[in-house]
Amino acid sequence: MLVGRVTGNVVSTNKVDTLRGAKLLIVQPVVLETLEMKDDYVVCVDDVGAGEGDLVFCAYGSSARQSDTSKKVASDYTIYGIVDSINMRGTRTYDKAKEAEACSWQK
């Protein structure tokens, strides 16, 4: 699994039939301890209604095609969830409820 921040979307008019109607989002992976964004991007099929700014977790490879809605989709990355909180080593490193007034992902 990969955890990352949704930073944008992709619009494609011409694509394979299995991607027709799919919402494509750009996800930038993060370092879990600091939530610092890595210098990398992936395009993911959105399976959960995520939006720009959301912290999400994604499956990749053959695992990206294991949900009922993604099993016939031509994708190597699928967003499977929107993160509410992350606790590591007894410390909460992320809390979505507190992010509205402290969102720093755009810096």
PDB file of N, CA and C in Angstrom:
ATOM      1  N   MET A   1       0.842  -1.188   0.000  1.00  0.00           N
ATOM      2  CA  MET A   1       0.000   0.000   0.000  1.00  0.00           C
ATOM      3  C   MET A   1       0.883   1.246   0.000  1.00  0.00           C
ATOM      4  N   LEU A   2       0.337   2.279  -0.560  1.00  0.00           N
ATOM      5  CA  LEU A   2       1.016   3.561  -0.652  1.00  0.00           C
ATOM      6  C   LEU A   2       0.103   4.607  -0.021  1.00  0.00           C
ATOM      7  N   VAL A   3       0.659   5.517   0.777  1.00  0.00           N
ATOM      8  CA  VAL A   3      -0.100   6.627   1.334  1.00  0.00           C
ATOM      9  C   VAL A   3       0.386   7.898   0.655  1.00  0.00           C
ATOM     10  N   GLY A   4      -0.558   8.720   0.205  1.00  0.00           N
ATOM     11  CA  GLY A   4      -0.170   9.937  -0.485  1.00  0.00           C
ATOM     12  C   GLY A   4      -1.268  10.990  -0.431  1.00  0.00           C
ATOM     13  N   ARG A   5      -0.927  12.156  -0.922  1.00  0.00           N
ATOM     14  CA  ARG A   5      -1.829  13.308  -0.928  1.00  0.00           C
ATOM     15  C   ARG A   5      -2.336  13.513  -2.349  1.00  0.00           C
ATOM     16  N   VAL A   6      -3.641  13.691  -2.511  1.00  0.00           N
ATOM     17  CA  VAL A   6      -4.212  13.982  -3.828  1.00  0.00           C
ATOM     18  C   VAL A   6      -3.854  15.423  -4.169  1.00  0.00           C
ATOM     19  N   THR A   7      -3.154  15.606  -5.286  1.00  0.00           N
ATOM     20  CA  THR A   7      -2.686  16.935  -5.659  1.00  0.00           C
ATOM     21  C   THR A   7      -3.305  17.457  -6.950  1.00  0.00           C
ATOM     22  N   GLY A   8      -4.107  16.637  -7.614  1.00  0.00           N
ATOM     23  CA  GLY A   8      -4.731  17.089  -8.850  1.00  0.00           C
ATOM     24  C   GLY A   8      -5.504  15.975  -9.516  1.00  0.00           C
ATOM     25  N   ASN A   9      -5.950  16.238 -10.727  1.00  0.00           N
ATOM     26  CA  ASN A   9      -6.691  15.220 -11.473  1.00  0.00           C
ATOM     27  C   ASN A   9      -6.219  15.176 -12.913  1.00  0.00           C
ATOM     28  N   VAL A  10      -6.596  14.118 -13.592  1.00  0.00           N
ATOM     29  CA  VAL A  10      -6.229  13.919 -14.991  1.00  0.00           C
ATOM     30  C   VAL A  10      -7.514  13.764 -15.792  1.00  0.00           C
ATOM     31  N   VAL A  11      -7.597  14.481 -16.906  1.00  0.00           N
ATOM     32  CA  VAL A  11      -8.728  14.345 -17.815  1.00  0.00           C
ATOM     33  C   VAL A  11      -8.202  13.737 -19.101  1.00  0.00           C
ATOM     34  N   SER A  12      -8.860  12.678 -19.559  1.00  0.00           N
ATOM     35  CA  SER A  12      -8.447  11.999 -20.782  1.00  0.00           C
ATOM     36  C   SER A  12      -9.681  11.651 -21.592  1.00  0.00           C
ATOM     37  N   THR A  13      -9.768  12.208 -22.792  1.00  0.00           N
ATOM     38  CA  THR A  13     -10.907  11.927 -23.658  1.00  0.00           C
ATOM     39  C   THR A  13     -10.753  10.571 -24.332  1.00  0.00           C
ATOM     40  N   ASN A  14      -9.564  10.297 -24.827  1.00  0.00           N
ATOM     41  CA  ASN A  14      -9.307   9.037 -25.516  1.00  0.00           C
ATOM     42  C   ASN A  14      -8.627   8.068 -24.561  1.00  0.00           C
ATOM     43  N   LYS A  15      -9.286   6.951 -24.272  1.00  0.00           N
ATOM     44  CA  LYS A  15      -8.737   5.949 -23.354  1.00  0.00           C
ATOM     45  C   LYS A  15      -9.395   4.606 -23.621  1.00  0.00           C
ATOM     46  N   VAL A  16      -8.852   3.563 -23.039  1.00  0.00           N
ATOM     47  CA  VAL A  16      -9.425   2.230 -23.207  1.00  0.00           C
ATOM     48  C   VAL A  16     -10.818   2.196 -22.582  1.00  0.00           C
ATOM     49  N   ASP A  17     -11.651   1.322 -23.080  1.00  0.00           N
ATOM     50  CA  ASP A  17     -13.037   1.247 -22.616  1.00  0.00           C
ATOM     51  C   ASP A  17     -13.152   1.010 -21.119  1.00  0.00           C
ATOM     52  N   THR A  18     -12.239   0.244 -20.527  1.00  0.00           N
ATOM     53  CA  THR A  18     -12.353  -0.063 -19.094  1.00  0.00           C
ATOM     54  C   THR A  18     -12.102   1.160 -18.212  1.00  0.00           C
ATOM     55  N   LEU A  19     -11.537   2.224 -18.772  1.00  0.00           N
ATOM     56  CA  LEU A  19     -11.321   3.449 -17.996  1.00  0.00           C
ATOM     57  C   LEU A  19     -12.395   4.503 -18.239  1.00  0.00           C
ATOM     58  N   ARG A  20     -13.333   4.232 -19.118  1.00  0.00           N
ATOM     59  CA  ARG A  20     -14.405   5.198 -19.376  1.00  0.00           C
ATOM     60  C   ARG A  20     -15.232   5.388 -18.101  1.00  0.00           C
ATOM     61  N   GLY A  21     -15.407   6.639 -17.718  1.00  0.00           N
ATOM     62  CA  GLY A  21     -16.162   6.956 -16.513  1.00  0.00           C
ATOM     63  C   GLY A  21     -15.345   6.923 -15.238  1.00  0.00           C
ATOM     64  N   ALA A  22     -14.090   6.493 -15.315  1.00  0.00           N
ATOM     65  CA  ALA A  22     -13.239   6.437 -14.127  1.00  0.00           C
ATOM     66  C   ALA A  22     -12.707   7.829 -13.791  1.00  0.00           C
ATOM     67  N   LYS A  23     -12.675   8.149 -12.514  1.00  0.00           N
ATOM     68  CA  LYS A  23     -12.096   9.406 -12.038  1.00  0.00           C
ATOM     69  C   LYS A  23     -10.611   9.149 -11.803  1.00  0.00           C
ATOM     70  N   LEU A  24      -9.744   9.923 -12.448  1.00  0.00           N
ATOM     71  CA  LEU A  24      -8.294   9.752 -12.349  1.00  0.00           C
ATOM     72  C   LEU A  24      -7.702  10.891 -11.530  1.00  0.00           C
ATOM     73  N   LEU A  25      -6.998  10.548 -10.466  1.00  0.00           N
ATOM     74  CA  LEU A  25      -6.409  11.544  -9.575  1.00  0.00           C
ATOM     75  C   LEU A  25      -4.899  11.396  -9.510  1.00  0.00           C
ATOM     76  N   ILE A  26      -4.210  12.528  -9.367  1.00  0.00           N
ATOM     77  CA  ILE A  26      -2.757  12.530  -9.186  1.00  0.00           C
ATOM     78  C   ILE A  26      -2.492  12.450  -7.687  1.00  0.00           C
ATOM     79  N   VAL A  27      -1.703  11.462  -7.292  1.00  0.00           N
ATOM     80  CA  VAL A  27      -1.369  11.260  -5.885  1.00  0.00           C
ATOM     81  C   VAL A  27       0.139  11.378  -5.721  1.00  0.00           C
ATOM     82  N   GLN A  28       0.554  12.186  -4.756  1.00  0.00           N
ATOM     83  CA  GLN A  28       1.965  12.353  -4.436  1.00  0.00           C
ATOM     84  C   GLN A  28       2.240  11.606  -3.137  1.00  0.00           C
ATOM     85  N   PRO A  29       3.064  10.546  -3.170  1.00  0.00           N
ATOM     86  CA  PRO A  29       3.356   9.777  -1.964  1.00  0.00           C
ATOM     87  C   PRO A  29       3.951  10.650  -0.861  1.00  0.00           C
ATOM     88  N   VAL A  30       3.724  10.249   0.400  1.00  0.00           N
ATOM     89  CA  VAL A  30       4.245  10.984   1.555  1.00  0.00           C
ATOM     90  C   VAL A  30       5.065  10.059   2.446  1.00  0.00           C
ATOM     91  N   VAL A  31       5.952  10.663   3.243  1.00  0.00           N
ATOM     92  CA  VAL A  31       6.683   9.961   4.295  1.00  0.00           C
ATOM     93  C   VAL A  31       5.739   9.898   5.495  1.00  0.00           C
ATOM     94  N   LEU A  32       5.432   8.713   5.987  1.00  0.00           N
ATOM     95  CA  LEU A  32       4.421   8.577   7.039  1.00  0.00           C
ATOM     96  C   LEU A  32       4.765   9.306   8.332  1.00  0.00           C
ATOM     97  N   GLU A  33       6.030   9.308   8.727  1.00  0.00           N
ATOM     98  CA  GLU A  33       6.410   9.930   9.998  1.00  0.00           C
ATOM     99  C   GLU A  33       6.219  11.440   9.997  1.00  0.00           C
ATOM    100  N   THR A  34       6.461  12.071   8.851  1.00  0.00           N
ATOM    101  CA  THR A  34       6.444  13.535   8.787  1.00  0.00           C
ATOM    102  C   THR A  34       5.358  14.098   7.871  1.00  0.00           C
ATOM    103  N   LEU A  35       4.764  13.246   7.061  1.00  0.00           N
ATOM    104  CA  LEU A  35       3.817  13.625   6.014  1.00  0.00           C
ATOM    105  C   LEU A  35       4.446  14.519   4.949  1.00  0.00           C
ATOM    106  N   GLU A  36       5.778  14.559   4.926  1.00  0.00           N
ATOM    107  CA  GLU A  36       6.485  15.291   3.876  1.00  0.00           C
ATOM    108  C   GLU A  36       6.240  14.588   2.548  1.00  0.00           C
ATOM    109  N   MET A  37       5.936  15.392   1.536  1.00  0.00           N
ATOM    110  CA  MET A  37       5.633  14.825   0.230  1.00  0.00           C
ATOM    111  C   MET A  37       6.914  14.448  -0.496  1.00  0.00           C
ATOM    112  N   LYS A  38       6.913  13.233  -1.052  1.00  0.00           N
ATOM    113  CA  LYS A  38       8.065  12.747  -1.810  1.00  0.00           C
ATOM    114  C   LYS A  38       8.060  13.374  -3.202  1.00  0.00           C
ATOM    115  N   ASP A  39       9.193  13.335  -3.844  1.00  0.00           N
ATOM    116  CA  ASP A  39       9.332  13.908  -5.180  1.00  0.00           C
ATOM    117  C   ASP A  39       8.937  12.863  -6.223  1.00  0.00           C
ATOM    118  N   ASP A  40       7.647  12.476  -6.208  1.00  0.00           N
ATOM    119  CA  ASP A  40       7.154  11.433  -7.090  1.00  0.00           C
ATOM    120  C   ASP A  40       5.645  11.619  -7.237  1.00  0.00           C
ATOM    121  N   TYR A  41       5.079  11.119  -8.300  1.00  0.00           N
ATOM    122  CA  TYR A  41       3.640  11.217  -8.540  1.00  0.00           C
ATOM    123  C   TYR A  41       3.155   9.937  -9.184  1.00  0.00           C
ATOM    124  N   VAL A  42       1.907   9.560  -8.904  1.00  0.00           N
ATOM    125  CA  VAL A  42       1.262   8.449  -9.595  1.00  0.00           C
ATOM    126  C   VAL A  42      -0.158   8.883  -9.955  1.00  0.00           C
ATOM    127  N   VAL A  43      -0.682   8.310 -11.014  1.00  0.00           N
ATOM    128  CA  VAL A  43      -2.072   8.546 -11.395  1.00  0.00           C
ATOM    129  C   VAL A  43      -2.869   7.336 -10.921  1.00  0.00           C
ATOM    130  N   CYS A  44      -3.938   7.601 -10.158  1.00  0.00           N
ATOM    131  CA  CYS A  44      -4.735   6.539  -9.557  1.00  0.00           C
ATOM    132  C   CYS A  44      -6.184   6.623 -10.014  1.00  0.00           C
ATOM    133  N   VAL A  45      -6.804   5.465 -10.144  1.00  0.00           N
ATOM    134  CA  VAL A  45      -8.243   5.411 -10.324  1.00  0.00           C
ATOM    135  C   VAL A  45      -8.853   5.596  -8.933  1.00  0.00           C
ATOM    136  N   ASP A  46      -9.806   6.510  -8.821  1.00  0.00           N
ATOM    137  CA  ASP A  46     -10.439   6.791  -7.531  1.00  0.00           C
ATOM    138  C   ASP A  46     -11.630   5.868  -7.335  1.00  0.00           C
ATOM    139  N   ASP A  47     -11.586   5.054  -6.274  1.00  0.00           N
ATOM    140  CA  ASP A  47     -12.638   4.094  -5.985  1.00  0.00           C
ATOM    141  C   ASP A  47     -13.510   4.528  -4.803  1.00  0.00           C
ATOM    142  N   VAL A  48     -13.182   5.715  -4.200  1.00  0.00           N
ATOM    143  CA  VAL A  48     -13.867   6.089  -2.949  1.00  0.00           C
ATOM    144  C   VAL A  48     -14.387   7.521  -2.903  1.00  0.00           C
ATOM    145  N   GLY A  49     -14.231   8.300  -3.947  1.00  0.00           N
ATOM    146  CA  GLY A  49     -14.717   9.677  -3.935  1.00  0.00           C
ATOM    147  C   GLY A  49     -13.765  10.649  -3.275  1.00  0.00           C
ATOM    148  N   ALA A  50     -12.472  10.413  -3.406  1.00  0.00           N
ATOM    149  CA  ALA A  50     -11.464  11.322  -2.844  1.00  0.00           C
ATOM    150  C   ALA A  50     -11.425  12.616  -3.639  1.00  0.00           C
ATOM    151  N   GLY A  51     -10.834  13.633  -3.027  1.00  0.00           N
ATOM    152  CA  GLY A  51     -10.704  14.915  -3.705  1.00  0.00           C
ATOM    153  C   GLY A  51      -9.355  15.540  -3.430  1.00  0.00           C
ATOM    154  N   GLU A  52      -9.089  16.629  -4.103  1.00  0.00           N
ATOM    155  CA  GLU A  52      -7.815  17.317  -3.960  1.00  0.00           C
ATOM    156  C   GLU A  52      -7.579  17.698  -2.498  1.00  0.00           C
ATOM    157  N   GLY A  53      -6.382  17.388  -2.012  1.00  0.00           N
ATOM    158  CA  GLY A  53      -6.012  17.671  -0.633  1.00  0.00           C
ATOM    159  C   GLY A  53      -6.171  16.489   0.296  1.00  0.00           C
ATOM    160  N   ASP A  54      -6.968  15.496  -0.083  1.00  0.00           N
ATOM    161  CA  ASP A  54      -7.172  14.335   0.792  1.00  0.00           C
ATOM    162  C   ASP A  54      -5.904  13.492   0.901  1.00  0.00           C
ATOM    163  N   LEU A  55      -5.694  12.951   2.092  1.00  0.00           N
ATOM    164  CA  LEU A  55      -4.649  11.953   2.311  1.00  0.00           C
ATOM    165  C   LEU A  55      -5.317  10.600   2.079  1.00  0.00           C
ATOM    166  N   VAL A  56      -4.759   9.804   1.180  1.00  0.00           N
ATOM    167  CA  VAL A  56      -5.392   8.553   0.768  1.00  0.00           C
ATOM    168  C   VAL A  56      -4.408   7.393   0.843  1.00  0.00           C
ATOM    169  N   PHE A  57      -4.968   6.173   0.852  1.00  0.00           N
ATOM    170  CA  PHE A  57      -4.102   5.012   0.674  1.00  0.00           C
ATOM    171  C   PHE A  57      -4.501   4.295  -0.599  1.00  0.00           C
ATOM    172  N   CYS A  58      -3.480   3.806  -1.291  1.00  0.00           N
ATOM    173  CA  CYS A  58      -3.665   3.226  -2.609  1.00  0.00           C
ATOM    174  C   CYS A  58      -3.049   1.832  -2.653  1.00  0.00           C
ATOM    175  N   ALA A  59      -3.688   0.974  -3.406  1.00  0.00           N
ATOM    176  CA  ALA A  59      -3.104  -0.322  -3.722  1.00  0.00           C
ATOM    177  C   ALA A  59      -2.488  -0.208  -5.109  1.00  0.00           C
ATOM    178  N   TYR A  60      -1.455  -1.005  -5.365  1.00  0.00           N
ATOM    179  CA  TYR A  60      -0.844  -0.941  -6.687  1.00  0.00           C
ATOM    180  C   TYR A  60      -0.497  -2.335  -7.182  1.00  0.00           C
ATOM    181  N   GLY A  61      -0.202  -2.396  -8.465  1.00  0.00           N
ATOM    182  CA  GLY A  61       0.035  -3.694  -9.093  1.00  0.00           C
ATOM    183  C   GLY A  61      -1.275  -4.456  -9.231  1.00  0.00           C
ATOM    184  N   SER A  62      -1.204  -5.781  -9.145  1.00  0.00           N
ATOM    185  CA  SER A  62      -2.415  -6.587  -9.299  1.00  0.00           C
ATOM    186  C   SER A  62      -3.408  -6.328  -8.166  1.00  0.00           C
ATOM    187  N   SER A  63      -2.952  -5.876  -7.007  1.00  0.00           N
ATOM    188  CA  SER A  63      -3.846  -5.559  -5.895  1.00  0.00           C
ATOM    189  C   SER A  63      -4.753  -4.376  -6.213  1.00  0.00           C
ATOM    190  N   ALA A  64      -4.365  -3.537  -7.158  1.00  0.00           N
ATOM    191  CA  ALA A  64      -5.179  -2.380  -7.534  1.00  0.00           C
ATOM    192  C   ALA A  64      -6.453  -2.802  -8.244  1.00  0.00           C
ATOM    193  N   ARG A  65      -6.525  -4.060  -8.633  1.00  0.00           N
ATOM    194  CA  ARG A  65      -7.688  -4.540  -9.370  1.00  0.00           C
ATOM    195  C   ARG A  65      -8.460  -5.598  -8.584  1.00  0.00           C
ATOM    196  N   GLN A  66      -8.543  -5.427  -7.266  1.00  0.00           N
ATOM    197  CA  GLN A  66      -9.188  -6.438  -6.443  1.00  0.00           C
ATOM    198  C   GLN A  66     -10.551  -6.055  -5.891  1.00  0.00           C
ATOM    199  N   SER A  67     -10.970  -4.806  -6.017  1.00  0.00           N
ATOM    200  CA  SER A  67     -12.298  -4.432  -5.518  1.00  0.00           C
ATOM    201  C   SER A  67     -13.351  -4.735  -6.590  1.00  0.00           C
ATOM    202  N   ASP A  68     -14.603  -4.722  -6.176  1.00  0.00           N
ATOM    203  CA  ASP A  68     -15.687  -4.997  -7.123  1.00  0.00           C
ATOM    204  C   ASP A  68     -15.702  -4.008  -8.282  1.00  0.00           C
ATOM    205  N   THR A  69     -15.371  -2.748  -7.996  1.00  0.00           N
ATOM    206  CA  THR A  69     -15.421  -1.741  -9.059  1.00  0.00           C
ATOM    207  C   THR A  69     -14.141  -1.649  -9.875  1.00  0.00           C
ATOM    208  N   SER A  70     -13.034  -2.183  -9.368  1.00  0.00           N
ATOM    209  CA  SER A  70     -11.767  -2.032 -10.095  1.00  0.00           C
ATOM    210  C   SER A  70     -11.264  -3.313 -10.745  1.00  0.00           C
ATOM    211  N   LYS A  71     -11.948  -4.428 -10.552  1.00  0.00           N
ATOM    212  CA  LYS A  71     -11.394  -5.692 -11.040  1.00  0.00           C
ATOM    213  C   LYS A  71     -11.281  -5.781 -12.559  1.00  0.00           C
ATOM    214  N   LYS A  72     -12.046  -4.968 -13.282  1.00  0.00           N
ATOM    215  CA  LYS A  72     -11.950  -4.990 -14.743  1.00  0.00           C
ATOM    216  C   LYS A  72     -11.378  -3.696 -15.297  1.00  0.00           C
ATOM    217  N   VAL A  73     -10.733  -2.897 -14.445  1.00  0.00           N
ATOM    218  CA  VAL A  73     -10.190  -1.605 -14.853  1.00  0.00           C
ATOM    219  C   VAL A  73      -8.698  -1.742 -15.161  1.00  0.00           C
ATOM    220  N   ALA A  74      -8.267  -1.136 -16.248  1.00  0.00           N
ATOM    221  CA  ALA A  74      -6.862  -1.163 -16.644  1.00  0.00           C
ATOM    222  C   ALA A  74      -6.105  -0.124 -15.831  1.00  0.00           C
ATOM    223  N   SER A  75      -5.662  -0.502 -14.623  1.00  0.00           N
ATOM    224  CA  SER A  75      -4.963   0.446 -13.754  1.00  0.00           C
ATOM    225  C   SER A  75      -3.939  -0.271 -12.892  1.00  0.00           C
ATOM    226  N   ASP A  76      -2.822   0.391 -12.643  1.00  0.00           N
ATOM    227  CA  ASP A  76      -1.827  -0.133 -11.714  1.00  0.00           C
ATOM    228  C   ASP A  76      -1.960   0.484 -10.333  1.00  0.00           C
ATOM    229  N   TYR A  77      -2.745   1.556 -10.186  1.00  0.00           N
ATOM    230  CA  TYR A  77      -2.947   2.228  -8.894  1.00  0.00           C
ATOM    231  C   TYR A  77      -4.430   2.536  -8.709  1.00  0.00           C
ATOM    232  N   THR A  78      -4.967   2.168  -7.553  1.00  0.00           N
ATOM    233  CA  THR A  78      -6.354   2.470  -7.218  1.00  0.00           C
ATOM    234  C   THR A  78      -6.421   3.011  -5.798  1.00  0.00           C
ATOM    235  N   ILE A  79      -7.140   4.111  -5.609  1.00  0.00           N
ATOM    236  CA  ILE A  79      -7.355   4.663  -4.272  1.00  0.00           C
ATOM    237  C   ILE A  79      -8.434   3.825  -3.604  1.00  0.00           C
ATOM    238  N   TYR A  80      -8.088   3.229  -2.439  1.00  0.00           N
ATOM    239  CA  TYR A  80      -9.007   2.357  -1.716  1.00  0.00           C
ATOM    240  C   TYR A  80      -9.548   2.995  -0.453  1.00  0.00           C
ATOM    241  N   GLY A  81      -8.995   4.127  -0.019  1.00  0.00           N
ATOM    242  CA  GLY A  81      -9.515   4.742   1.192  1.00  0.00           C
ATOM    243  C   GLY A  81      -8.978   6.143   1.409  1.00  0.00           C
ATOM    244  N   ILE A  82      -9.759   6.942   2.154  1.00  0.00           N
ATOM    245  CA  ILE A  82      -9.350   8.272   2.587  1.00  0.00           C
ATOM    246  C   ILE A  82      -8.949   8.151   4.047  1.00  0.00           C
ATOM    247  N   VAL A  83      -7.766   8.623   4.387  1.00  0.00           N
ATOM    248  CA  VAL A  83      -7.215   8.451   5.736  1.00  0.00           C
ATOM    249  C   VAL A  83      -7.871   9.430   6.712  1.00  0.00           C
ATOM    250  N   ASP A  84      -8.337   8.909   7.850  1.00  0.00           N
ATOM    251  CA  ASP A  84      -8.881   9.743   8.927  1.00  0.00           C
ATOM    252  C   ASP A  84      -7.801  10.086   9.946  1.00  0.00           C
ATOM    253  N   SER A  85      -6.953   9.112  10.272  1.00  0.00           N
ATOM    254  CA  SER A  85      -5.872   9.372  11.229  1.00  0.00           C
ATOM    255  C   SER A  85      -4.778   8.337  11.043  1.00  0.00           C
ATOM    256  N   ILE A  86      -3.574   8.698  11.498  1.00  0.00           N
ATOM    257  CA  ILE A  86      -2.432   7.782  11.504  1.00  0.00           C
ATOM    258  C   ILE A  86      -1.805   7.846  12.893  1.00  0.00           C
ATOM    259  N   ASN A  87      -1.630   6.696  13.509  1.00  0.00           N
ATOM    260  CA  ASN A  87      -0.934   6.585  14.790  1.00  0.00           C
ATOM    261  C   ASN A  87       0.294   5.723  14.573  1.00  0.00           C
ATOM    262  N   MET A  88       1.463   6.243  14.949  1.00  0.00           N
ATOM    263  CA  MET A  88       2.710   5.492  14.806  1.00  0.00           C
ATOM    264  C   MET A  88       3.495   5.560  16.107  1.00  0.00           C
ATOM    265  N   ARG A  89       3.885   4.385  16.576  1.00  0.00           N
ATOM    266  CA  ARG A  89       4.699   4.289  17.799  1.00  0.00           C
ATOM    267  C   ARG A  89       4.071   5.065  18.957  1.00  0.00           C
ATOM    268  N   GLY A  90       2.746   4.964  19.095  1.00  0.00           N
ATOM    269  CA  GLY A  90       2.048   5.614  20.190  1.00  0.00           C
ATOM    270  C   GLY A  90       1.780   7.098  20.021  1.00  0.00           C
ATOM    271  N   THR A  91       2.075   7.632  18.859  1.00  0.00           N
ATOM    272  CA  THR A  91       1.871   9.061  18.616  1.00  0.00           C
ATOM    273  C   THR A  91       0.989   9.252  17.391  1.00  0.00           C
ATOM    274  N   ARG A  92       0.030  10.143  17.501  1.00  0.00           N
ATOM    275  CA  ARG A  92      -0.813  10.460  16.342  1.00  0.00           C
ATOM    276  C   ARG A  92      -0.024  11.409  15.441  1.00  0.00           C
ATOM    277  N   THR A  93       0.277  10.933  14.230  1.00  0.00           N
ATOM    278  CA  THR A  93       1.040  11.742  13.280  1.00  0.00           C
ATOM    279  C   THR A  93       0.146  12.472  12.293  1.00  0.00           C
ATOM    280  N   TYR A  94      -1.132  12.054  12.209  1.00  0.00           N
ATOM    281  CA  TYR A  94      -2.068  12.716  11.291  1.00  0.00           C
ATOM    282  C   TYR A  94      -3.472  12.585  11.850  1.00  0.00           C
ATOM    283  N   ASP A  95      -4.220  13.677  11.760  1.00  0.00           N
ATOM    284  CA  ASP A  95      -5.621  13.694  12.177  1.00  0.00           C
ATOM    285  C   ASP A  95      -6.388  14.575  11.200  1.00  0.00           C
ATOM    286  N   LYS A  96      -7.208  13.962  10.357  1.00  0.00           N
ATOM    287  CA  LYS A  96      -7.948  14.712   9.333  1.00  0.00           C
ATOM    288  C   LYS A  96      -8.854  15.769   9.961  1.00  0.00           C
ATOM    289  N   ALA A  97      -9.404  15.484  11.124  1.00  0.00           N
ATOM    290  CA  ALA A  97     -10.317  16.427  11.779  1.00  0.00           C
ATOM    291  C   ALA A  97      -9.634  17.747  12.106  1.00  0.00           C
ATOM    292  N   LYS A  98      -8.327  17.728  12.301  1.00  0.00           N
ATOM    293  CA  LYS A  98      -7.589  18.945  12.628  1.00  0.00           C
ATOM    294  C   LYS A  98      -7.016  19.626  11.392  1.00  0.00           C
ATOM    295  N   GLU A  99      -7.164  19.026  10.240  1.00  0.00           N
ATOM    296  CA  GLU A  99      -6.511  19.526   9.035  1.00  0.00           C
ATOM    297  C   GLU A  99      -7.182  20.757   8.444  1.00  0.00           C
ATOM    298  N   ALA A 100      -8.453  20.967   8.663  1.00  0.00           N
ATOM    299  CA  ALA A 100      -9.164  22.093   8.043  1.00  0.00           C
ATOM    300  C   ALA A 100      -8.508  23.416   8.367  1.00  0.00           C
ATOM    301  N   GLU A 101      -8.037  23.608   9.591  1.00  0.00           N
ATOM    302  CA  GLU A 101      -7.395  24.866   9.932  1.00  0.00           C
ATOM    303  C   GLU A 101      -5.866  24.804   9.860  1.00  0.00           C
ATOM    304  N   ALA A 102      -5.333  23.623   9.587  1.00  0.00           N
ATOM    305  CA  ALA A 102      -3.873  23.505   9.584  1.00  0.00           C
ATOM    306  C   ALA A 102      -3.374  22.770   8.350  1.00  0.00           C
ATOM    307  N   CYS A 103      -4.036  22.932   7.222  1.00  0.00           N
ATOM    308  CA  CYS A 103      -3.635  22.250   6.011  1.00  0.00           C
ATOM    309  C   CYS A 103      -2.378  22.895   5.434  1.00  0.00           C
ATOM    310  N   SER A 104      -1.290  22.124   5.404  1.00  0.00           N
ATOM    311  CA  SER A 104      -0.022  22.678   4.922  1.00  0.00           C
ATOM    312  C   SER A 104       0.436  22.015   3.627  1.00  0.00           C
ATOM    313  N   TRP A 105      -0.393  21.193   3.015  1.00  0.00           N
ATOM    314  CA  TRP A 105       0.066  20.442   1.857  1.00  0.00           C
ATOM    315  C   TRP A 105       0.294  21.334   0.642  1.00  0.00           C
ATOM    316  N   GLN A 106      -0.275  22.535   0.609  1.00  0.00           N
ATOM    317  CA  GLN A 106      -0.103  23.388  -0.557  1.00  0.00           C
ATOM    318  C   GLN A 106       1.184  24.209  -0.520  1.00  0.00           C
ATOM    319  N   LYS A 107       1.893  24.188   0.587  1.00  0.00           N
ATOM    320  CA  LYS A 107       3.127  24.998   0.711  1.00  0.00           C
ATOM    321  C   LYS A 107       4.226  24.464  -0.151  1.00  0.00           C
TER     322      LYS A 107
END
